[in-house]
Structures are given as structure tokens and as C-alpha cells.
Amino acid sequence: LDRSGIARDLFEAMRLFGGRLKGGVAVQTIFVAVILAA
């Protein structure tokens, strides 16, 4: 995962869900962290 672009694209995709929130990028960072952890 470290060497691929999967995490980068995952982070970009989460913009769909956090974009309209104030603090959306921070929230999407946590969601991406959960998916990467899983």
C-alpha cells in the first residue's frame, strides 16, 4: 500500500462524503485511516 497509489485515490474518493462538512478534510482523513487500518 505504501508503494502504490491506492491510499492516494482512496483519500481523494472520500472527498465525496466529507466535502460539504466544515472540517471535511480532517474527517475524511480519519475515515481513510480506518479503511487503511482494516
ModelCIF file with pLDDT and N, C-alpha, C, O atoms, coordinates in Angstrom:
data_MODEL
#
_entry.id   MODEL 
#
_entity.id                         1 
_entity.type                       polymer 
_entity.pdbx_number_of_molecules   1 
#
_entity_poly.entity_id                      1 
_entity_poly.type                           'polypeptide(L)' 
_entity_poly.nstd_linkage                   no 
_entity_poly.nstd_monomer                   no 
_entity_poly.pdbx_seq_one_letter_code       LDRSGIARDLFEAMRLFGGRLKGGVAVQTIFVAVILAA 
_entity_poly.pdbx_seq_one_letter_code_can   LDRSGIARDLFEAMRLFGGRLKGGVAVQTIFVAVILAA 
_entity_poly.pdbx_strand_id                 A 
#
loop_
_entity_poly_seq.entity_id 
_entity_poly_seq.num 
_entity_poly_seq.mon_id 
_entity_poly_seq.hetero 
1 1  LEU n 
1 2  ASP n 
1 3  ARG n 
1 4  SER n 
1 5  GLY n 
1 6  ILE n 
1 7  ALA n 
1 8  ARG n 
1 9  ASP n 
1 10 LEU n 
1 11 PHE n 
1 12 GLU n 
1 13 ALA n 
1 14 MET n 
1 15 ARG n 
1 16 LEU n 
1 17 PHE n 
1 18 GLY n 
1 19 GLY n 
1 20 ARG n 
1 21 LEU n 
1 22 LYS n 
1 23 GLY n 
1 24 GLY n 
1 25 VAL n 
1 26 ALA n 
1 27 VAL n 
1 28 GLN n 
1 29 THR n 
1 30 ILE n 
1 31 PHE n 
1 32 VAL n 
1 33 ALA n 
1 34 VAL n 
1 35 ILE n 
1 36 LEU n 
1 37 ALA n 
1 38 ALA n 
#
_struct_asym.id          A 
_struct_asym.entity_id   1 
#
loop_
_ma_qa_metric.id 
_ma_qa_metric.mode 
_ma_qa_metric.name 
_ma_qa_metric.software_group_id 
_ma_qa_metric.type 
1 global pLDDT . pLDDT 
2 local  pLDDT . pLDDT 
#
_ma_qa_metric_global.metric_id      1 
_ma_qa_metric_global.metric_value   80.05 
_ma_qa_metric_global.model_id       1 
_ma_qa_metric_global.ordinal_id     1 
#
loop_
_ma_qa_metric_local.label_asym_id 
_ma_qa_metric_local.label_comp_id 
_ma_qa_metric_local.label_seq_id 
_ma_qa_metric_local.metric_id 
_ma_qa_metric_local.metric_value 
_ma_qa_metric_local.model_id 
_ma_qa_metric_local.ordinal_id 
A LEU 1  2 79.00 1 1  
A ASP 2  2 76.00 1 2  
A ARG 3  2 81.00 1 3  
A SER 4  2 81.00 1 4  
A GLY 5  2 78.00 1 5  
A ILE 6  2 80.00 1 6  
A ALA 7  2 76.00 1 7  
A ARG 8  2 78.00 1 8  
A ASP 9  2 79.00 1 9  
A LEU 10 2 79.00 1 10 
A PHE 11 2 77.00 1 11 
A GLU 12 2 76.00 1 12 
A ALA 13 2 77.00 1 13 
A MET 14 2 73.00 1 14 
A ARG 15 2 70.00 1 15 
A LEU 16 2 70.00 1 16 
A PHE 17 2 68.00 1 17 
A GLY 18 2 63.00 1 18 
A GLY 19 2 64.00 1 19 
A ARG 20 2 71.00 1 20 
A LEU 21 2 76.00 1 21 
A LYS 22 2 83.00 1 22 
A GLY 23 2 82.00 1 23 
A GLY 24 2 84.00 1 24 
A VAL 25 2 86.00 1 25 
A ALA 26 2 89.00 1 26 
A VAL 27 2 90.00 1 27 
A GLN 28 2 87.00 1 28 
A THR 29 2 89.00 1 29 
A ILE 30 2 92.00 1 30 
A PHE 31 2 88.00 1 31 
A VAL 32 2 86.00 1 32 
A ALA 33 2 88.00 1 33 
A VAL 34 2 89.00 1 34 
A ILE 35 2 85.00 1 35 
A LEU 36 2 83.00 1 36 
A ALA 37 2 85.00 1 37 
A ALA 38 2 84.00 1 38 
#
loop_
_atom_site.group_PDB 
_atom_site.id 
_atom_site.type_symbol 
_atom_site.label_atom_id 
_atom_site.label_alt_id 
_atom_site.label_comp_id 
_atom_site.label_asym_id 
_atom_site.label_entity_id 
_atom_site.label_seq_id 
_atom_site.pdbx_PDB_ins_code 
_atom_site.Cartn_x 
_atom_site.Cartn_y 
_atom_site.Cartn_z 
_atom_site.occupancy 
_atom_site.B_iso_or_equiv 
_atom_site.pdbx_formal_charge 
_atom_site.auth_seq_id 
_atom_site.auth_comp_id 
_atom_site.auth_asym_id 
_atom_site.auth_atom_id 
_atom_site.pdbx_PDB_model_num 
ATOM 1   N N  . LEU A 1 1  ? 0.833   -1.205 0.000  1.00 79.00 ? 1  LEU A N  1 
ATOM 2   C CA . LEU A 1 1  ? 0.000   0.000  0.000  1.00 79.00 ? 1  LEU A CA 1 
ATOM 3   C C  . LEU A 1 1  ? 0.866   1.253  0.000  1.00 79.00 ? 1  LEU A C  1 
ATOM 4   O O  . LEU A 1 1  ? 0.560   2.251  -0.652 1.00 79.00 ? 1  LEU A O  1 
ATOM 5   N N  . ASP A 1 2  ? 1.970   1.162  0.762  1.00 76.00 ? 2  ASP A N  1 
ATOM 6   C CA . ASP A 1 2  ? 2.934   2.256  0.856  1.00 76.00 ? 2  ASP A CA 1 
ATOM 7   C C  . ASP A 1 2  ? 3.442   2.677  -0.512 1.00 76.00 ? 2  ASP A C  1 
ATOM 8   O O  . ASP A 1 2  ? 3.661   3.861  -0.771 1.00 76.00 ? 2  ASP A O  1 
ATOM 9   N N  . ARG A 1 3  ? 3.628   1.687  -1.390 1.00 81.00 ? 3  ARG A N  1 
ATOM 10  C CA . ARG A 1 3  ? 4.283   1.921  -2.671 1.00 81.00 ? 3  ARG A CA 1 
ATOM 11  C C  . ARG A 1 3  ? 3.299   2.106  -3.832 1.00 81.00 ? 3  ARG A C  1 
ATOM 12  O O  . ARG A 1 3  ? 3.716   2.366  -4.961 1.00 81.00 ? 3  ARG A O  1 
ATOM 13  N N  . SER A 1 4  ? 2.017   1.974  -3.561 1.00 81.00 ? 4  SER A N  1 
ATOM 14  C CA . SER A 1 4  ? 1.026   2.113  -4.632 1.00 81.00 ? 4  SER A CA 1 
ATOM 15  C C  . SER A 1 4  ? 0.269   3.428  -4.459 1.00 81.00 ? 4  SER A C  1 
ATOM 16  O O  . SER A 1 4  ? 0.465   4.149  -3.481 1.00 81.00 ? 4  SER A O  1 
ATOM 17  N N  . GLY A 1 5  ? -0.588  3.721  -5.414 1.00 78.00 ? 5  GLY A N  1 
ATOM 18  C CA . GLY A 1 5  ? -1.397  4.936  -5.335 1.00 78.00 ? 5  GLY A CA 1 
ATOM 19  C C  . GLY A 1 5  ? -2.779  4.677  -4.762 1.00 78.00 ? 5  GLY A C  1 
ATOM 20  O O  . GLY A 1 5  ? -3.656  5.537  -4.845 1.00 78.00 ? 5  GLY A O  1 
ATOM 21  N N  . ILE A 1 6  ? -2.987  3.476  -4.171 1.00 80.00 ? 6  ILE A N  1 
ATOM 22  C CA . ILE A 1 6  ? -4.308  3.109  -3.652 1.00 80.00 ? 6  ILE A CA 1 
ATOM 23  C C  . ILE A 1 6  ? -4.742  4.072  -2.552 1.00 80.00 ? 6  ILE A C  1 
ATOM 24  O O  . ILE A 1 6  ? -5.880  4.541  -2.546 1.00 80.00 ? 6  ILE A O  1 
ATOM 25  N N  . ALA A 1 7  ? -3.828  4.368  -1.614 1.00 76.00 ? 7  ALA A N  1 
ATOM 26  C CA . ALA A 1 7  ? -4.176  5.256  -0.498 1.00 76.00 ? 7  ALA A CA 1 
ATOM 27  C C  . ALA A 1 7  ? -4.487  6.664  -0.999 1.00 76.00 ? 7  ALA A C  1 
ATOM 28  O O  . ALA A 1 7  ? -5.392  7.322  -0.487 1.00 76.00 ? 7  ALA A O  1 
ATOM 29  N N  . ARG A 1 8  ? -3.739  7.121  -1.995 1.00 78.00 ? 8  ARG A N  1 
ATOM 30  C CA . ARG A 1 8  ? -3.969  8.466  -2.542 1.00 78.00 ? 8  ARG A CA 1 
ATOM 31  C C  . ARG A 1 8  ? -5.358  8.565  -3.177 1.00 78.00 ? 8  ARG A C  1 
ATOM 32  O O  . ARG A 1 8  ? -6.086  9.530  -2.948 1.00 78.00 ? 8  ARG A O  1 
ATOM 33  N N  . ASP A 1 9  ? -5.713  7.567  -3.970 1.00 79.00 ? 9  ASP A N  1 
ATOM 34  C CA . ASP A 1 9  ? -7.031  7.580  -4.619 1.00 79.00 ? 9  ASP A CA 1 
ATOM 35  C C  . ASP A 1 9  ? -8.157  7.411  -3.600 1.00 79.00 ? 9  ASP A C  1 
ATOM 36  O O  . ASP A 1 9  ? -9.235  7.986  -3.749 1.00 79.00 ? 9  ASP A O  1 
ATOM 37  N N  . LEU A 1 10 ? -7.895  6.623  -2.572 1.00 79.00 ? 10 LEU A N  1 
ATOM 38  C CA . LEU A 1 10 ? -8.876  6.444  -1.500 1.00 79.00 ? 10 LEU A CA 1 
ATOM 39  C C  . LEU A 1 10 ? -9.142  7.765  -0.800 1.00 79.00 ? 10 LEU A C  1 
ATOM 40  O O  . LEU A 1 10 ? -10.291 8.100  -0.508 1.00 79.00 ? 10 LEU A O  1 
ATOM 41  N N  . PHE A 1 11 ? -8.081  8.516  -0.530 1.00 77.00 ? 11 PHE A N  1 
ATOM 42  C CA . PHE A 1 11 ? -8.212  9.817  0.125  1.00 77.00 ? 11 PHE A CA 1 
ATOM 43  C C  . PHE A 1 11 ? -9.013  10.786 -0.743 1.00 77.00 ? 11 PHE A C  1 
ATOM 44  O O  . PHE A 1 11 ? -9.867  11.523 -0.249 1.00 77.00 ? 11 PHE A O  1 
ATOM 45  N N  . GLU A 1 12 ? -8.726  10.772 -2.032 1.00 76.00 ? 12 GLU A N  1 
ATOM 46  C CA . GLU A 1 12 ? -9.454  11.641 -2.957 1.00 76.00 ? 12 GLU A CA 1 
ATOM 47  C C  . GLU A 1 12 ? -10.934 11.258 -3.019 1.00 76.00 ? 12 GLU A C  1 
ATOM 48  O O  . GLU A 1 12 ? -11.805 12.127 -3.069 1.00 76.00 ? 12 GLU A O  1 
ATOM 49  N N  . ALA A 1 13 ? -11.213 9.939  -3.014 1.00 77.00 ? 13 ALA A N  1 
ATOM 50  C CA . ALA A 1 13 ? -12.600 9.464  -3.108 1.00 77.00 ? 13 ALA A CA 1 
ATOM 51  C C  . ALA A 1 13 ? -13.435 9.883  -1.905 1.00 77.00 ? 13 ALA A C  1 
ATOM 52  O O  . ALA A 1 13 ? -14.633 10.137 -2.031 1.00 77.00 ? 13 ALA A O  1 
ATOM 53  N N  . MET A 1 14 ? -12.800 9.955  -0.740 1.00 73.00 ? 14 MET A N  1 
ATOM 54  C CA . MET A 1 14 ? -13.542 10.313 0.465  1.00 73.00 ? 14 MET A CA 1 
ATOM 55  C C  . MET A 1 14 ? -13.994 11.767 0.451  1.00 73.00 ? 14 MET A C  1 
ATOM 56  O O  . MET A 1 14 ? -14.782 12.180 1.302  1.00 73.00 ? 14 MET A O  1 
ATOM 57  N N  . ARG A 1 15 ? -13.499 12.552 -0.516 1.00 70.00 ? 15 ARG A N  1 
ATOM 58  C CA . ARG A 1 15 ? -13.944 13.942 -0.674 1.00 70.00 ? 15 ARG A CA 1 
ATOM 59  C C  . ARG A 1 15 ? -15.433 14.006 -0.986 1.00 70.00 ? 15 ARG A C  1 
ATOM 60  O O  . ARG A 1 15 ? -16.090 15.006 -0.698 1.00 70.00 ? 15 ARG A O  1 
ATOM 61  N N  . LEU A 1 16 ? -15.964 12.938 -1.576 1.00 70.00 ? 16 LEU A N  1 
ATOM 62  C CA . LEU A 1 16 ? -17.398 12.881 -1.895 1.00 70.00 ? 16 LEU A CA 1 
ATOM 63  C C  . LEU A 1 16 ? -18.254 12.948 -0.638 1.00 70.00 ? 16 LEU A C  1 
ATOM 64  O O  . LEU A 1 16 ? -19.370 13.465 -0.661 1.00 70.00 ? 16 LEU A O  1 
ATOM 65  N N  . PHE A 1 17 ? -17.716 12.416 0.466  1.00 68.00 ? 17 PHE A N  1 
ATOM 66  C CA . PHE A 1 17 ? -18.517 12.319 1.695  1.00 68.00 ? 17 PHE A CA 1 
ATOM 67  C C  . PHE A 1 17 ? -18.204 13.434 2.692  1.00 68.00 ? 17 PHE A C  1 
ATOM 68  O O  . PHE A 1 17 ? -19.062 13.817 3.487  1.00 68.00 ? 17 PHE A O  1 
ATOM 69  N N  . GLY A 1 18 ? -16.970 13.956 2.648  1.00 63.00 ? 18 GLY A N  1 
ATOM 70  C CA . GLY A 1 18 ? -16.602 14.973 3.626  1.00 63.00 ? 18 GLY A CA 1 
ATOM 71  C C  . GLY A 1 18 ? -16.574 16.386 3.081  1.00 63.00 ? 18 GLY A C  1 
ATOM 72  O O  . GLY A 1 18 ? -16.366 17.336 3.836  1.00 63.00 ? 18 GLY A O  1 
ATOM 73  N N  . GLY A 1 19 ? -16.780 16.540 1.788  1.00 64.00 ? 19 GLY A N  1 
ATOM 74  C CA . GLY A 1 19 ? -16.623 17.840 1.155  1.00 64.00 ? 19 GLY A CA 1 
ATOM 75  C C  . GLY A 1 19 ? -17.554 18.918 1.664  1.00 64.00 ? 19 GLY A C  1 
ATOM 76  O O  . GLY A 1 19 ? -17.160 20.083 1.722  1.00 64.00 ? 19 GLY A O  1 
ATOM 77  N N  . ARG A 1 20 ? -18.773 18.572 2.036  1.00 71.00 ? 20 ARG A N  1 
ATOM 78  C CA . ARG A 1 20 ? -19.756 19.583 2.434  1.00 71.00 ? 20 ARG A CA 1 
ATOM 79  C C  . ARG A 1 20 ? -19.767 19.830 3.945  1.00 71.00 ? 20 ARG A C  1 
ATOM 80  O O  . ARG A 1 20 ? -20.596 20.590 4.444  1.00 71.00 ? 20 ARG A O  1 
ATOM 81  N N  . LEU A 1 21 ? -18.848 19.190 4.670  1.00 76.00 ? 21 LEU A N  1 
ATOM 82  C CA . LEU A 1 21 ? -18.735 19.414 6.109  1.00 76.00 ? 21 LEU A CA 1 
ATOM 83  C C  . LEU A 1 21 ? -17.662 20.445 6.392  1.00 76.00 ? 21 LEU A C  1 
ATOM 84  O O  . LEU A 1 21 ? -16.659 20.518 5.683  1.00 76.00 ? 21 LEU A O  1 
ATOM 85  N N  . LYS A 1 22 ? -17.872 21.244 7.432  1.00 83.00 ? 22 LYS A N  1 
ATOM 86  C CA . LYS A 1 22 ? -16.783 22.099 7.898  1.00 83.00 ? 22 LYS A CA 1 
ATOM 87  C C  . LYS A 1 22 ? -15.807 21.188 8.642  1.00 83.00 ? 22 LYS A C  1 
ATOM 88  O O  . LYS A 1 22 ? -16.196 20.513 9.595  1.00 83.00 ? 22 LYS A O  1 
ATOM 89  N N  . GLY A 1 23 ? -14.571 21.164 8.223  1.00 82.00 ? 23 GLY A N  1 
ATOM 90  C CA . GLY A 1 23 ? -13.628 20.189 8.771  1.00 82.00 ? 23 GLY A CA 1 
ATOM 91  C C  . GLY A 1 23 ? -13.665 18.881 8.009  1.00 82.00 ? 23 GLY A C  1 
ATOM 92  O O  . GLY A 1 23 ? -13.215 17.846 8.501  1.00 82.00 ? 23 GLY A O  1 
ATOM 93  N N  . GLY A 1 24 ? -14.214 18.940 6.786  1.00 84.00 ? 24 GLY A N  1 
ATOM 94  C CA . GLY A 1 24 ? -14.408 17.729 5.994  1.00 84.00 ? 24 GLY A CA 1 
ATOM 95  C C  . GLY A 1 24 ? -13.128 16.975 5.687  1.00 84.00 ? 24 GLY A C  1 
ATOM 96  O O  . GLY A 1 24 ? -13.118 15.744 5.706  1.00 84.00 ? 24 GLY A O  1 
ATOM 97  N N  . VAL A 1 25 ? -12.034 17.699 5.401  1.00 86.00 ? 25 VAL A N  1 
ATOM 98  C CA . VAL A 1 25 ? -10.771 17.020 5.066  1.00 86.00 ? 25 VAL A CA 1 
ATOM 99  C C  . VAL A 1 25 ? -10.240 16.261 6.288  1.00 86.00 ? 25 VAL A C  1 
ATOM 100 O O  . VAL A 1 25 ? -9.712  15.157 6.157  1.00 86.00 ? 25 VAL A O  1 
ATOM 101 N N  . ALA A 1 26 ? -10.381 16.854 7.464  1.00 89.00 ? 26 ALA A N  1 
ATOM 102 C CA . ALA A 1 26 ? -9.940  16.185 8.694  1.00 89.00 ? 26 ALA A CA 1 
ATOM 103 C C  . ALA A 1 26 ? -10.772 14.929 8.946  1.00 89.00 ? 26 ALA A C  1 
ATOM 104 O O  . ALA A 1 26 ? -10.237 13.888 9.328  1.00 89.00 ? 26 ALA A O  1 
ATOM 105 N N  . VAL A 1 27 ? -12.082 15.034 8.730  1.00 90.00 ? 27 VAL A N  1 
ATOM 106 C CA . VAL A 1 27 ? -12.966 13.881 8.924  1.00 90.00 ? 27 VAL A CA 1 
ATOM 107 C C  . VAL A 1 27 ? -12.656 12.788 7.911  1.00 90.00 ? 27 VAL A C  1 
ATOM 108 O O  . VAL A 1 27 ? -12.614 11.609 8.263  1.00 90.00 ? 27 VAL A O  1 
ATOM 109 N N  . GLN A 1 28 ? -12.440 13.173 6.654  1.00 87.00 ? 28 GLN A N  1 
ATOM 110 C CA . GLN A 1 28 ? -12.157 12.159 5.641  1.00 87.00 ? 28 GLN A CA 1 
ATOM 111 C C  . GLN A 1 28 ? -10.800 11.504 5.903  1.00 87.00 ? 28 GLN A C  1 
ATOM 112 O O  . GLN A 1 28 ? -10.597 10.343 5.548  1.00 87.00 ? 28 GLN A O  1 
ATOM 113 N N  . THR A 1 29 ? -9.870  12.238 6.523  1.00 89.00 ? 29 THR A N  1 
ATOM 114 C CA . THR A 1 29 ? -8.577  11.657 6.909  1.00 89.00 ? 29 THR A CA 1 
ATOM 115 C C  . THR A 1 29 ? -8.773  10.523 7.909  1.00 89.00 ? 29 THR A C  1 
ATOM 116 O O  . THR A 1 29 ? -8.122  9.483  7.815  1.00 89.00 ? 29 THR A O  1 
ATOM 117 N N  . ILE A 1 30 ? -9.681  10.733 8.873  1.00 92.00 ? 30 ILE A N  1 
ATOM 118 C CA . ILE A 1 30 ? -9.954  9.685  9.865  1.00 92.00 ? 30 ILE A CA 1 
ATOM 119 C C  . ILE A 1 30 ? -10.621 8.483  9.207  1.00 92.00 ? 30 ILE A C  1 
ATOM 120 O O  . ILE A 1 30 ? -10.287 7.341  9.519  1.00 92.00 ? 30 ILE A O  1 
ATOM 121 N N  . PHE A 1 31 ? -11.564 8.733  8.296  1.00 88.00 ? 31 PHE A N  1 
ATOM 122 C CA . PHE A 1 31 ? -12.231 7.622  7.602  1.00 88.00 ? 31 PHE A CA 1 
ATOM 123 C C  . PHE A 1 31 ? -11.234 6.822  6.760  1.00 88.00 ? 31 PHE A C  1 
ATOM 124 O O  . PHE A 1 31 ? -11.277 5.592  6.740  1.00 88.00 ? 31 PHE A O  1 
ATOM 125 N N  . VAL A 1 32 ? -10.344 7.523  6.072  1.00 86.00 ? 32 VAL A N  1 
ATOM 126 C CA . VAL A 1 32 ? -9.317  6.840  5.278  1.00 86.00 ? 32 VAL A CA 1 
ATOM 127 C C  . VAL A 1 32 ? -8.414  6.020  6.190  1.00 86.00 ? 32 VAL A C  1 
ATOM 128 O O  . VAL A 1 32 ? -8.028  4.902  5.850  1.00 86.00 ? 32 VAL A O  1 
ATOM 129 N N  . ALA A 1 33 ? -8.076  6.582  7.359  1.00 88.00 ? 33 ALA A N  1 
ATOM 130 C CA . ALA A 1 33 ? -7.239  5.860  8.326  1.00 88.00 ? 33 ALA A CA 1 
ATOM 131 C C  . ALA A 1 33 ? -7.899  4.562  8.768  1.00 88.00 ? 33 ALA A C  1 
ATOM 132 O O  . ALA A 1 33 ? -7.231  3.539  8.918  1.00 88.00 ? 33 ALA A O  1 
ATOM 133 N N  . VAL A 1 34 ? -9.229  4.606  8.980  1.00 89.00 ? 34 VAL A N  1 
ATOM 134 C CA . VAL A 1 34 ? -9.962  3.397  9.391  1.00 89.00 ? 34 VAL A CA 1 
ATOM 135 C C  . VAL A 1 34 ? -9.904  2.342  8.285  1.00 89.00 ? 34 VAL A C  1 
ATOM 136 O O  . VAL A 1 34 ? -9.675  1.165  8.562  1.00 89.00 ? 34 VAL A O  1 
ATOM 137 N N  . ILE A 1 35 ? -10.109 2.758  7.036  1.00 85.00 ? 35 ILE A N  1 
ATOM 138 C CA . ILE A 1 35 ? -10.087 1.790  5.923  1.00 85.00 ? 35 ILE A CA 1 
ATOM 139 C C  . ILE A 1 35 ? -8.695  1.200  5.742  1.00 85.00 ? 35 ILE A C  1 
ATOM 140 O O  . ILE A 1 35 ? -8.553  -0.001 5.516  1.00 85.00 ? 35 ILE A O  1 
ATOM 141 N N  . LEU A 1 36 ? -7.658  2.049  5.840  1.00 83.00 ? 36 LEU A N  1 
ATOM 142 C CA . LEU A 1 36 ? -6.288  1.550  5.733  1.00 83.00 ? 36 LEU A CA 1 
ATOM 143 C C  . LEU A 1 36 ? -5.956  0.594  6.872  1.00 83.00 ? 36 LEU A C  1 
ATOM 144 O O  . LEU A 1 36 ? -5.269  -0.408 6.676  1.00 83.00 ? 36 LEU A O  1 
ATOM 145 N N  . ALA A 1 37 ? -6.456  0.916  8.073  1.00 85.00 ? 37 ALA A N  1 
ATOM 146 C CA . ALA A 1 37 ? -6.233  0.035  9.223  1.00 85.00 ? 37 ALA A CA 1 
ATOM 147 C C  . ALA A 1 37 ? -6.907  -1.314 9.008  1.00 85.00 ? 37 ALA A C  1 
ATOM 148 O O  . ALA A 1 37 ? -6.355  -2.357 9.359  1.00 85.00 ? 37 ALA A O  1 
ATOM 149 N N  . ALA A 1 38 ? -8.111  -1.285 8.425  1.00 84.00 ? 38 ALA A N  1 
ATOM 150 C CA . ALA A 1 38 ? -8.837  -2.533 8.158  1.00 84.00 ? 38 ALA A CA 1 
ATOM 151 C C  . ALA A 1 38 ? -8.201  -3.343 7.037  1.00 84.00 ? 38 ALA A C  1 
ATOM 152 O O  . ALA A 1 38 ? -8.695  -4.417 6.695  1.00 84.00 ? 38 ALA A O  1 
#
